[in-house]
N, C-alpha and C. Protein backbone atom coordinates (compact mmCIF):
# COMPACT_ATOMS: atom_id res chain seq x y z
N MET A 1 133.10 61.44 198.39
CA MET A 1 132.72 61.84 197.01
C MET A 1 132.48 63.35 196.90
N ILE A 2 132.14 63.88 197.81
CA ILE A 2 132.08 65.24 197.75
C ILE A 2 133.28 65.94 197.70
N LEU A 3 134.36 65.30 198.30
CA LEU A 3 136.03 65.94 198.36
C LEU A 3 136.48 65.73 197.12
N LYS A 4 136.04 64.57 196.27
CA LYS A 4 136.72 64.50 194.80
C LYS A 4 135.86 65.49 194.07
N ASN A 5 134.89 65.52 194.26
CA ASN A 5 134.33 66.44 193.10
C ASN A 5 134.60 67.93 193.33
N LEU A 6 134.88 68.49 194.68
CA LEU A 6 135.33 69.69 194.90
C LEU A 6 137.02 70.03 194.14
N ARG A 7 137.54 68.83 194.46
CA ARG A 7 138.98 68.55 193.81
C ARG A 7 139.04 68.98 192.29
N LEU A 8 137.79 68.07 191.70
CA LEU A 8 137.86 68.02 190.29
C LEU A 8 137.22 69.84 190.05
N SER A 9 136.27 70.30 190.72
CA SER A 9 135.78 71.53 190.48
C SER A 9 137.34 72.91 190.45
N LEU A 10 138.13 72.40 191.69
CA LEU A 10 139.03 73.45 191.63
C LEU A 10 140.19 73.29 190.55
N VAL A 11 140.44 72.19 190.34
CA VAL A 11 141.32 71.95 188.57
C VAL A 11 140.66 72.38 187.60
N LEU A 12 139.50 72.02 187.27
CA LEU A 12 138.81 72.63 186.07
C LEU A 12 138.54 74.04 186.40
N LEU A 13 138.50 74.72 187.59
CA LEU A 13 138.37 76.34 187.83
C LEU A 13 139.72 77.02 187.35
N LEU A 14 140.90 76.17 187.94
CA LEU A 14 142.47 76.81 187.73
C LEU A 14 142.52 76.65 186.04
N ILE A 15 142.37 75.50 185.32
CA ILE A 15 142.84 75.16 184.09
C ILE A 15 141.73 76.27 183.40
N CYS A 16 140.75 76.22 183.15
CA CYS A 16 139.85 76.88 182.37
C CYS A 16 139.39 78.51 183.01
N GLY A 17 139.53 78.77 184.00
CA GLY A 17 139.35 80.19 184.62
C GLY A 17 140.78 80.79 184.72
N ILE A 18 142.06 80.25 184.76
CA ILE A 18 143.12 81.08 184.91
C ILE A 18 143.94 80.45 183.91
N ALA A 19 144.47 79.22 183.60
CA ALA A 19 145.82 78.92 182.87
C ALA A 19 145.33 79.35 181.34
N TYR A 20 144.06 78.66 181.15
CA TYR A 20 143.73 78.86 179.32
C TYR A 20 143.65 80.31 179.23
N PRO A 21 142.77 81.22 179.87
CA PRO A 21 142.88 82.68 179.56
C PRO A 21 144.26 83.36 179.56
N LEU A 22 145.19 82.95 180.41
CA LEU A 22 146.77 83.62 180.15
C LEU A 22 147.09 83.09 179.46
N ALA A 23 147.13 81.95 178.85
CA ALA A 23 147.85 81.40 177.71
C ALA A 23 147.38 81.78 176.46
N MET A 24 146.17 82.11 176.03
CA MET A 24 145.61 82.87 175.10
C MET A 24 146.05 84.27 174.98
N THR A 25 146.17 84.95 175.91
CA THR A 25 146.23 86.42 176.00
C THR A 25 147.92 86.35 175.80
N GLY A 26 148.48 85.26 176.28
CA GLY A 26 149.91 85.36 175.92
C GLY A 26 150.37 85.18 174.54
N VAL A 27 149.81 84.19 173.67
CA VAL A 27 149.66 83.71 172.47
C VAL A 27 149.37 85.04 171.61
N ALA A 28 148.11 85.64 172.08
CA ALA A 28 147.67 86.79 171.42
C ALA A 28 148.57 88.06 171.29
N GLN A 29 149.23 88.18 172.33
CA GLN A 29 150.31 89.38 172.41
C GLN A 29 151.56 89.02 171.71
N VAL A 30 151.84 87.79 171.55
CA VAL A 30 152.90 87.35 170.46
C VAL A 30 152.66 87.57 168.95
N ILE A 31 151.43 86.96 168.82
CA ILE A 31 150.88 86.73 167.37
C ILE A 31 150.43 88.11 166.78
N MET A 32 149.77 88.99 167.58
CA MET A 32 148.76 89.85 166.95
C MET A 32 148.97 90.99 168.25
N PRO A 33 149.93 91.66 168.54
CA PRO A 33 150.01 92.61 169.95
C PRO A 33 149.04 93.69 169.63
N ALA A 34 148.94 94.39 168.62
CA ALA A 34 148.16 95.53 168.54
C ALA A 34 146.43 95.15 168.74
N GLN A 35 146.18 94.14 167.94
CA GLN A 35 144.72 93.75 168.42
C GLN A 35 144.46 93.26 169.73
N ALA A 36 145.48 92.67 170.28
CA ALA A 36 145.53 92.04 171.82
C ALA A 36 145.34 93.22 172.74
N SER A 37 146.12 94.27 172.34
CA SER A 37 145.98 95.41 173.25
C SER A 37 144.72 96.58 172.93
N GLY A 38 143.91 96.02 172.03
CA GLY A 38 142.58 96.74 172.15
C GLY A 38 142.50 97.79 170.80
N SER A 39 143.61 97.42 169.60
CA SER A 39 143.78 98.23 168.52
C SER A 39 143.44 99.58 168.66
N LEU A 40 144.42 100.18 169.60
CA LEU A 40 144.48 101.80 170.20
C LEU A 40 144.92 102.40 168.76
N ILE A 41 144.16 103.62 168.61
CA ILE A 41 144.55 104.49 167.81
C ILE A 41 145.41 105.56 168.50
N THR A 42 146.60 106.17 167.88
CA THR A 42 147.29 107.17 168.73
C THR A 42 147.13 108.28 167.66
N ASP A 43 147.61 109.39 168.15
CA ASP A 43 147.83 110.57 167.40
C ASP A 43 149.44 110.63 167.02
N ALA A 44 149.72 111.96 166.19
CA ALA A 44 150.99 112.03 165.85
C ALA A 44 152.19 111.97 167.23
N SER A 45 151.54 112.58 168.28
CA SER A 45 152.40 112.59 169.29
C SER A 45 152.70 111.46 170.39
N GLY A 46 151.75 110.38 170.01
CA GLY A 46 151.81 108.74 170.51
C GLY A 46 150.80 108.75 171.34
N LYS A 47 149.95 109.85 171.88
CA LYS A 47 148.92 109.79 172.66
C LYS A 47 147.89 108.82 172.04
N VAL A 48 147.25 108.03 172.96
CA VAL A 48 146.25 107.26 172.53
C VAL A 48 144.70 108.05 172.70
N VAL A 49 144.07 107.90 171.40
CA VAL A 49 142.67 108.76 171.12
C VAL A 49 141.81 107.91 171.13
N GLY A 50 141.88 106.57 170.93
CA GLY A 50 140.70 105.98 170.56
C GLY A 50 141.01 104.44 170.25
N SER A 51 139.96 103.71 169.99
CA SER A 51 140.20 102.41 169.32
C SER A 51 139.46 102.47 168.17
N GLU A 52 140.22 101.36 167.22
CA GLU A 52 139.72 101.30 165.74
C GLU A 52 138.43 100.48 165.82
N LEU A 53 138.18 99.77 167.23
CA LEU A 53 136.89 98.86 166.75
C LEU A 53 135.77 99.71 167.60
N ILE A 54 135.87 101.12 168.53
CA ILE A 54 134.86 101.45 168.91
C ILE A 54 134.82 102.88 168.30
N GLY A 55 133.53 103.31 168.18
CA GLY A 55 133.10 104.57 167.59
C GLY A 55 133.42 105.83 168.78
N GLN A 56 133.16 106.90 168.17
CA GLN A 56 133.12 108.07 169.03
C GLN A 56 132.12 109.02 168.39
N THR A 57 131.56 109.93 169.20
CA THR A 57 130.27 110.80 168.64
C THR A 57 131.04 112.35 168.61
N PHE A 58 131.15 112.69 167.12
CA PHE A 58 131.46 113.73 166.99
C PHE A 58 130.17 114.75 166.59
N THR A 59 130.17 115.93 166.98
CA THR A 59 128.95 116.68 166.78
C THR A 59 129.53 117.97 166.24
N ASP A 60 130.96 118.42 166.38
CA ASP A 60 131.56 119.80 165.77
C ASP A 60 131.26 119.41 164.11
N PRO A 61 130.87 120.45 163.65
CA PRO A 61 130.86 120.59 162.21
C PRO A 61 132.04 120.56 161.40
N LYS A 62 133.14 120.53 161.95
CA LYS A 62 134.44 120.51 161.56
C LYS A 62 135.06 119.22 161.25
N TYR A 63 134.04 118.13 162.00
CA TYR A 63 134.57 116.59 161.81
C TYR A 63 133.25 115.87 161.23
N PHE A 64 133.76 114.70 160.53
CA PHE A 64 132.94 113.73 159.95
C PHE A 64 131.95 113.37 161.21
N TRP A 65 130.68 112.83 160.97
CA TRP A 65 129.96 112.33 161.86
C TRP A 65 129.83 110.76 161.74
N GLY A 66 129.73 110.21 162.74
CA GLY A 66 129.41 108.61 162.72
C GLY A 66 127.99 108.31 163.05
N ARG A 67 128.20 107.20 163.06
CA ARG A 67 126.58 106.26 163.48
C ARG A 67 126.08 106.82 164.69
N ILE A 68 124.96 106.66 164.63
CA ILE A 68 124.10 107.12 165.90
C ILE A 68 124.39 106.02 166.81
N SER A 69 124.39 106.21 168.30
CA SER A 69 124.91 105.15 169.15
C SER A 69 123.96 105.39 170.32
N SER A 70 122.87 104.60 170.62
CA SER A 70 122.01 104.81 171.81
C SER A 70 122.84 104.66 173.17
N ILE A 71 123.94 103.76 173.09
CA ILE A 71 124.54 103.86 174.34
C ILE A 71 125.91 104.69 174.59
N ASP A 72 125.95 105.78 173.85
CA ASP A 72 126.92 106.87 173.78
C ASP A 72 128.25 106.03 173.52
N ASN A 73 128.62 105.08 172.63
CA ASN A 73 129.47 104.48 172.39
C ASN A 73 130.52 103.89 173.73
N ASN A 74 129.48 103.58 174.74
CA ASN A 74 130.10 103.08 175.88
C ASN A 74 130.49 101.66 175.85
N ALA A 75 131.76 101.12 175.58
CA ALA A 75 131.92 99.72 175.44
C ALA A 75 131.92 98.91 176.70
N SER A 76 131.48 99.55 177.73
CA SER A 76 131.32 98.61 178.85
C SER A 76 129.97 97.88 178.76
N GLY A 77 129.15 98.33 178.05
CA GLY A 77 127.81 97.43 177.53
C GLY A 77 127.38 97.85 176.15
N SER A 78 127.51 96.96 175.43
CA SER A 78 126.94 97.21 174.03
C SER A 78 125.37 96.85 173.57
N GLY A 79 125.15 97.26 172.75
CA GLY A 79 123.65 96.87 172.33
C GLY A 79 123.28 98.26 171.97
N SER A 80 121.62 97.88 171.35
CA SER A 80 121.15 99.18 170.82
C SER A 80 119.48 99.00 171.73
N ASN A 81 118.56 100.04 171.51
CA ASN A 81 117.50 99.82 171.95
C ASN A 81 116.47 98.55 171.20
N ASN A 82 117.07 98.47 169.94
CA ASN A 82 116.06 97.10 169.31
C ASN A 82 114.69 97.69 169.28
N TYR A 83 114.49 98.65 168.79
CA TYR A 83 113.07 99.12 168.62
C TYR A 83 112.54 98.45 167.25
N ALA A 84 111.07 98.44 167.09
CA ALA A 84 110.66 98.12 166.04
C ALA A 84 110.31 99.27 164.91
N PRO A 85 110.17 99.39 163.88
CA PRO A 85 110.49 100.61 163.08
C PRO A 85 108.78 101.25 163.32
N SER A 86 108.08 100.67 163.70
CA SER A 86 106.99 101.69 164.28
C SER A 86 107.00 102.11 165.54
N ASN A 87 108.07 101.94 166.29
CA ASN A 87 108.24 102.52 167.71
C ASN A 87 108.11 103.85 167.86
N PRO A 88 107.12 104.67 168.42
CA PRO A 88 106.97 106.16 168.35
C PRO A 88 108.63 106.52 168.71
N ALA A 89 109.20 106.24 169.74
CA ALA A 89 110.51 106.52 170.14
C ALA A 89 111.42 106.82 169.06
N LEU A 90 111.70 105.44 168.55
CA LEU A 90 112.46 105.39 167.28
C LEU A 90 112.16 106.38 166.16
N ILE A 91 110.48 106.68 165.86
CA ILE A 91 110.34 107.50 164.82
C ILE A 91 110.71 108.83 165.29
N GLU A 92 110.50 109.39 166.61
CA GLU A 92 110.77 110.67 167.12
C GLU A 92 112.32 110.88 167.17
N ARG A 93 113.26 110.05 167.48
CA ARG A 93 114.56 110.15 167.35
C ARG A 93 115.12 110.46 166.03
N THR A 94 114.49 109.40 165.24
CA THR A 94 114.91 109.77 163.98
C THR A 94 114.70 110.82 163.06
N GLN A 95 113.36 111.50 163.51
CA GLN A 95 113.12 112.69 162.91
C GLN A 95 113.91 113.84 163.47
N LYS A 96 114.23 113.86 164.76
CA LYS A 96 115.05 114.81 165.27
C LYS A 96 116.40 114.60 164.65
N ASP A 97 116.95 113.32 164.35
CA ASP A 97 118.42 113.27 163.84
C ASP A 97 118.31 113.78 162.35
N ILE A 98 117.45 113.52 161.65
CA ILE A 98 117.39 114.23 160.41
C ILE A 98 117.22 115.68 159.93
N ALA A 99 116.10 116.18 160.99
CA ALA A 99 116.29 117.61 160.94
C ALA A 99 117.61 118.29 161.52
N ALA A 100 118.49 117.59 162.20
CA ALA A 100 119.88 117.94 162.77
C ALA A 100 120.79 117.97 161.91
N PHE A 101 120.87 117.04 160.96
CA PHE A 101 121.57 116.89 159.93
C PHE A 101 121.36 117.45 158.75
N LEU A 102 120.37 117.80 158.55
CA LEU A 102 119.70 118.69 157.38
C LEU A 102 120.52 120.01 157.76
N ALA A 103 120.17 120.54 159.03
CA ALA A 103 120.32 121.69 159.53
C ALA A 103 121.84 122.21 159.34
N ALA A 104 122.71 121.25 159.50
CA ALA A 104 124.13 121.24 159.42
C ALA A 104 124.70 121.00 158.21
N ASN A 105 123.74 120.45 157.27
CA ASN A 105 124.37 120.32 155.65
C ASN A 105 123.19 120.66 154.94
N PRO A 106 123.33 121.91 154.80
CA PRO A 106 122.34 122.52 153.53
C PRO A 106 122.76 122.14 152.43
N GLY A 107 121.71 121.85 151.92
CA GLY A 107 122.01 121.23 150.48
C GLY A 107 121.86 119.99 149.90
N VAL A 108 121.73 119.25 151.27
CA VAL A 108 121.67 117.83 151.07
C VAL A 108 120.02 117.62 151.58
N LYS A 109 119.69 116.60 150.39
CA LYS A 109 118.12 116.45 150.66
C LYS A 109 117.75 115.35 151.42
N GLN A 110 116.74 115.35 152.25
CA GLN A 110 116.63 114.23 153.18
C GLN A 110 116.37 112.57 152.61
N GLU A 111 116.03 112.30 151.30
CA GLU A 111 116.18 111.23 150.47
C GLU A 111 117.64 110.71 150.33
N ASP A 112 118.61 111.70 150.45
CA ASP A 112 119.73 111.27 150.07
C ASP A 112 120.75 110.98 151.25
N ILE A 113 120.16 111.38 152.73
CA ILE A 113 120.90 110.84 153.59
C ILE A 113 121.13 109.46 153.83
N PRO A 114 122.45 108.74 153.77
CA PRO A 114 122.54 107.36 153.92
C PRO A 114 121.99 107.02 155.10
N ALA A 115 121.41 105.37 155.39
CA ALA A 115 120.85 104.97 156.34
C ALA A 115 121.83 104.98 157.54
N ASP A 116 122.89 104.44 157.29
CA ASP A 116 123.82 104.33 158.45
C ASP A 116 124.13 105.52 159.45
N LEU A 117 123.76 106.47 158.87
CA LEU A 117 123.88 108.30 159.67
C LEU A 117 122.96 108.37 160.56
N LEU A 118 121.86 107.39 160.16
CA LEU A 118 120.79 107.61 161.09
C LEU A 118 120.17 106.28 161.89
N THR A 119 121.05 105.32 161.64
CA THR A 119 120.53 104.25 162.42
C THR A 119 121.74 103.78 163.52
N ASN A 120 121.46 102.93 164.45
CA ASN A 120 122.46 102.37 165.27
C ASN A 120 123.09 100.86 164.76
N SER A 121 124.28 100.70 164.81
CA SER A 121 124.85 99.51 164.51
C SER A 121 124.27 98.41 165.81
N ALA A 122 124.19 96.95 165.47
CA ALA A 122 123.61 96.03 166.45
C ALA A 122 124.37 96.49 167.79
N SER A 123 125.58 96.61 167.98
CA SER A 123 126.27 96.79 169.09
C SER A 123 126.30 98.26 169.46
N GLY A 124 125.91 99.18 168.83
CA GLY A 124 126.21 100.63 169.37
C GLY A 124 127.32 101.14 169.40
N LEU A 125 128.27 100.26 168.70
CA LEU A 125 129.90 100.78 168.81
C LEU A 125 130.63 100.94 167.72
N ASP A 126 129.79 100.50 166.44
CA ASP A 126 130.43 100.69 165.22
C ASP A 126 131.07 101.99 164.99
N PRO A 127 132.66 101.92 164.30
CA PRO A 127 133.20 103.04 164.31
C PRO A 127 133.20 103.46 162.84
N HIS A 128 132.54 102.69 161.85
CA HIS A 128 132.37 102.78 160.59
C HIS A 128 131.18 103.46 160.00
N ILE A 129 131.03 104.07 158.92
CA ILE A 129 130.28 104.63 158.04
C ILE A 129 130.59 104.13 156.57
N SER A 130 129.61 104.20 155.58
CA SER A 130 129.62 103.75 154.46
C SER A 130 130.33 105.19 153.85
N PRO A 131 131.40 104.89 152.55
CA PRO A 131 131.95 106.04 151.75
C PRO A 131 130.83 106.98 151.36
N LYS A 132 129.74 106.82 151.08
CA LYS A 132 128.80 107.77 150.79
C LYS A 132 128.42 108.50 152.12
N ALA A 133 128.28 108.15 153.20
CA ALA A 133 127.81 108.90 154.50
C ALA A 133 129.14 109.80 154.58
N ALA A 134 130.48 109.27 154.37
CA ALA A 134 131.57 110.34 154.54
C ALA A 134 131.32 111.52 153.58
N GLN A 135 131.07 111.03 152.29
CA GLN A 135 131.07 111.82 150.74
C GLN A 135 130.04 112.95 151.45
N ILE A 136 128.74 112.47 151.78
CA ILE A 136 127.81 113.34 151.82
C ILE A 136 128.05 114.65 152.92
N GLN A 137 129.25 114.54 153.68
CA GLN A 137 129.62 115.45 154.53
C GLN A 137 130.51 116.14 154.37
N VAL A 138 131.29 116.05 152.92
CA VAL A 138 132.09 116.95 152.69
C VAL A 138 132.04 118.29 152.56
N ALA A 139 131.17 118.71 151.88
CA ALA A 139 130.95 120.18 152.13
C ALA A 139 130.76 120.83 153.43
N ARG A 140 129.99 120.15 154.18
CA ARG A 140 130.10 121.08 155.55
C ARG A 140 131.47 120.81 156.21
N VAL A 141 132.29 119.85 156.16
CA VAL A 141 133.49 119.82 156.79
C VAL A 141 134.48 120.90 156.20
N ALA A 142 134.49 120.92 154.51
CA ALA A 142 135.43 121.74 154.10
C ALA A 142 134.98 123.10 154.18
N LYS A 143 133.77 123.34 154.34
CA LYS A 143 133.48 124.97 154.82
C LYS A 143 133.93 125.10 156.39
N ALA A 144 133.48 124.54 157.30
CA ALA A 144 134.20 124.51 158.51
C ALA A 144 135.48 124.66 158.71
N ARG A 145 136.41 124.16 158.01
CA ARG A 145 137.75 123.83 157.88
C ARG A 145 138.38 125.16 156.93
N ASN A 146 137.72 125.53 156.04
CA ASN A 146 138.32 126.08 155.08
C ASN A 146 139.03 125.56 154.34
N LEU A 147 138.87 124.25 153.77
CA LEU A 147 139.46 123.28 152.54
C LEU A 147 138.68 123.01 151.74
N GLU A 148 139.78 122.67 150.58
CA GLU A 148 139.34 122.35 149.06
C GLU A 148 138.44 120.86 149.34
N PRO A 149 136.96 120.85 149.04
CA PRO A 149 136.81 119.38 148.98
C PRO A 149 137.17 118.35 148.19
N VAL A 150 138.33 118.78 147.25
CA VAL A 150 139.00 117.68 146.84
C VAL A 150 140.05 116.89 147.76
N GLN A 151 140.35 117.95 148.73
CA GLN A 151 141.22 117.49 149.74
C GLN A 151 140.52 116.20 150.50
N LEU A 152 139.45 116.73 150.95
CA LEU A 152 138.57 115.92 151.89
C LEU A 152 138.26 114.73 150.86
N GLN A 153 137.81 114.69 149.58
CA GLN A 153 137.76 113.40 148.85
C GLN A 153 138.89 112.50 149.06
N ALA A 154 140.20 112.77 148.97
CA ALA A 154 141.25 112.40 148.97
C ALA A 154 141.68 111.73 150.10
N LEU A 155 141.32 112.29 151.31
CA LEU A 155 141.48 111.77 152.64
C LEU A 155 140.39 110.49 152.80
N ILE A 156 138.94 110.82 152.24
CA ILE A 156 138.12 109.76 152.65
C ILE A 156 138.74 108.26 151.63
N GLU A 157 139.15 108.62 150.70
CA GLU A 157 139.75 107.55 149.85
C GLU A 157 140.75 106.60 150.31
N ALA A 158 141.62 107.78 151.08
CA ALA A 158 142.94 107.11 151.81
C ALA A 158 142.64 106.37 153.09
N ASN A 159 141.22 106.60 153.52
CA ASN A 159 140.71 106.20 154.85
C ASN A 159 139.62 105.12 154.68
N THR A 160 139.13 104.65 153.21
CA THR A 160 138.19 103.63 152.91
C THR A 160 138.97 102.14 153.04
N ASP A 161 138.38 101.41 153.65
CA ASP A 161 138.87 100.00 153.76
C ASP A 161 138.02 99.45 152.87
N GLY A 162 138.53 98.30 152.06
CA GLY A 162 137.63 97.35 151.22
C GLY A 162 136.63 96.23 151.84
N ARG A 163 136.34 95.79 151.01
CA ARG A 163 135.91 94.43 151.77
C ARG A 163 136.74 93.43 152.29
N SER A 164 136.12 92.84 153.47
CA SER A 164 137.17 91.98 154.16
C SER A 164 137.41 90.76 153.14
N LEU A 165 138.55 90.34 152.86
CA LEU A 165 139.28 89.27 152.28
C LEU A 165 138.60 89.46 150.83
N GLY A 166 138.12 90.66 150.45
CA GLY A 166 137.70 91.02 149.09
C GLY A 166 136.41 90.80 148.66
N VAL A 167 135.61 89.99 149.57
CA VAL A 167 134.42 89.59 149.43
C VAL A 167 133.41 89.89 150.38
N PHE A 168 133.73 89.88 151.65
CA PHE A 168 132.76 89.97 152.69
C PHE A 168 132.54 91.50 153.07
N GLY A 169 131.24 91.85 153.59
CA GLY A 169 130.84 93.15 153.96
C GLY A 169 130.83 94.13 152.84
N GLU A 170 131.18 95.54 153.14
CA GLU A 170 130.91 96.67 152.20
C GLU A 170 132.30 97.40 152.72
N PRO A 171 132.39 98.36 151.34
CA PRO A 171 133.57 99.04 151.77
C PRO A 171 133.24 100.32 152.89
N ARG A 172 134.16 100.70 154.00
CA ARG A 172 133.43 101.35 155.03
C ARG A 172 134.84 102.42 155.28
N VAL A 173 134.66 103.28 156.28
CA VAL A 173 135.24 104.55 156.37
C VAL A 173 135.27 104.27 158.10
N ASN A 174 136.60 104.44 158.71
CA ASN A 174 136.53 104.49 160.23
C ASN A 174 136.60 105.86 160.26
N VAL A 175 135.57 106.66 160.99
CA VAL A 175 135.35 107.72 161.56
C VAL A 175 136.28 108.50 162.16
N VAL A 176 136.75 107.66 163.19
CA VAL A 176 137.71 107.96 164.30
C VAL A 176 139.15 108.26 163.82
N LYS A 177 139.47 107.44 162.53
CA LYS A 177 140.89 107.45 161.93
C LYS A 177 140.38 108.26 160.76
N LEU A 178 139.86 108.74 160.14
CA LEU A 178 139.28 109.77 159.59
C LEU A 178 139.71 111.15 159.93
N ASN A 179 138.67 111.17 161.18
CA ASN A 179 138.90 112.66 161.60
C ASN A 179 140.20 112.77 162.44
N LEU A 180 141.14 111.80 162.74
CA LEU A 180 142.52 112.00 163.29
C LEU A 180 143.36 112.60 162.16
N ALA A 181 142.97 111.81 160.79
CA ALA A 181 143.99 112.17 159.51
C ALA A 181 143.54 113.62 159.19
N LEU A 182 142.29 113.91 159.45
CA LEU A 182 141.86 115.25 159.09
C LEU A 182 142.30 116.31 160.02
N ASP A 183 142.43 116.08 161.17
CA ASP A 183 143.47 117.00 162.34
C ASP A 183 144.93 116.97 161.75
N GLU A 184 145.44 115.96 161.49
CA GLU A 184 146.83 116.09 160.89
C GLU A 184 147.05 116.51 159.58
N LEU A 185 145.93 116.67 158.62
CA LEU A 185 146.17 117.68 157.41
C LEU A 185 146.57 118.91 157.71
N LYS A 186 146.03 119.84 158.57
CA LYS A 186 146.20 121.19 158.79
C LYS A 186 147.62 121.42 159.25
N LYS A 187 148.10 120.58 159.84
CA LYS A 187 149.47 120.64 160.57
C LYS A 187 150.45 120.67 159.68
């Protein structure tokens, strides 16, 4: 009886742990190779600079800034602190982030800062911000790069994805792709 159970366990391990994952990976590579390979983003020279699915932290004034990430956009372990709104650590972090944003973006009022620039996503990896969060940064980026705001407005528009299937979610801007397009603008 024990030998029979061990054989069954081994067969199921081979099927579920090796054959099935290899088959699904092979099918995914054929049907959607870019997504199966990590939705990688490359620059004009072909160098991989990131993934469409994972945010990056930008702090230089010449770049658009993305969402806060309590895990530093480290994809090896996603999640956030999941603090309650009354948690002193969250309040302190948010106040510091508001002060830093206002210092870098003079002329912006605190009440105009979109929430997505001050909050984690559930995974802590979200590469997207709202179009409003991108728009509110135009003056800073334009000044830092000596560009006309209208150029940046067009860039934001070109890098805004609509609702999924036209219904689900909200319009969003992938910050990594937007900043890559921004770097290509000056070349």
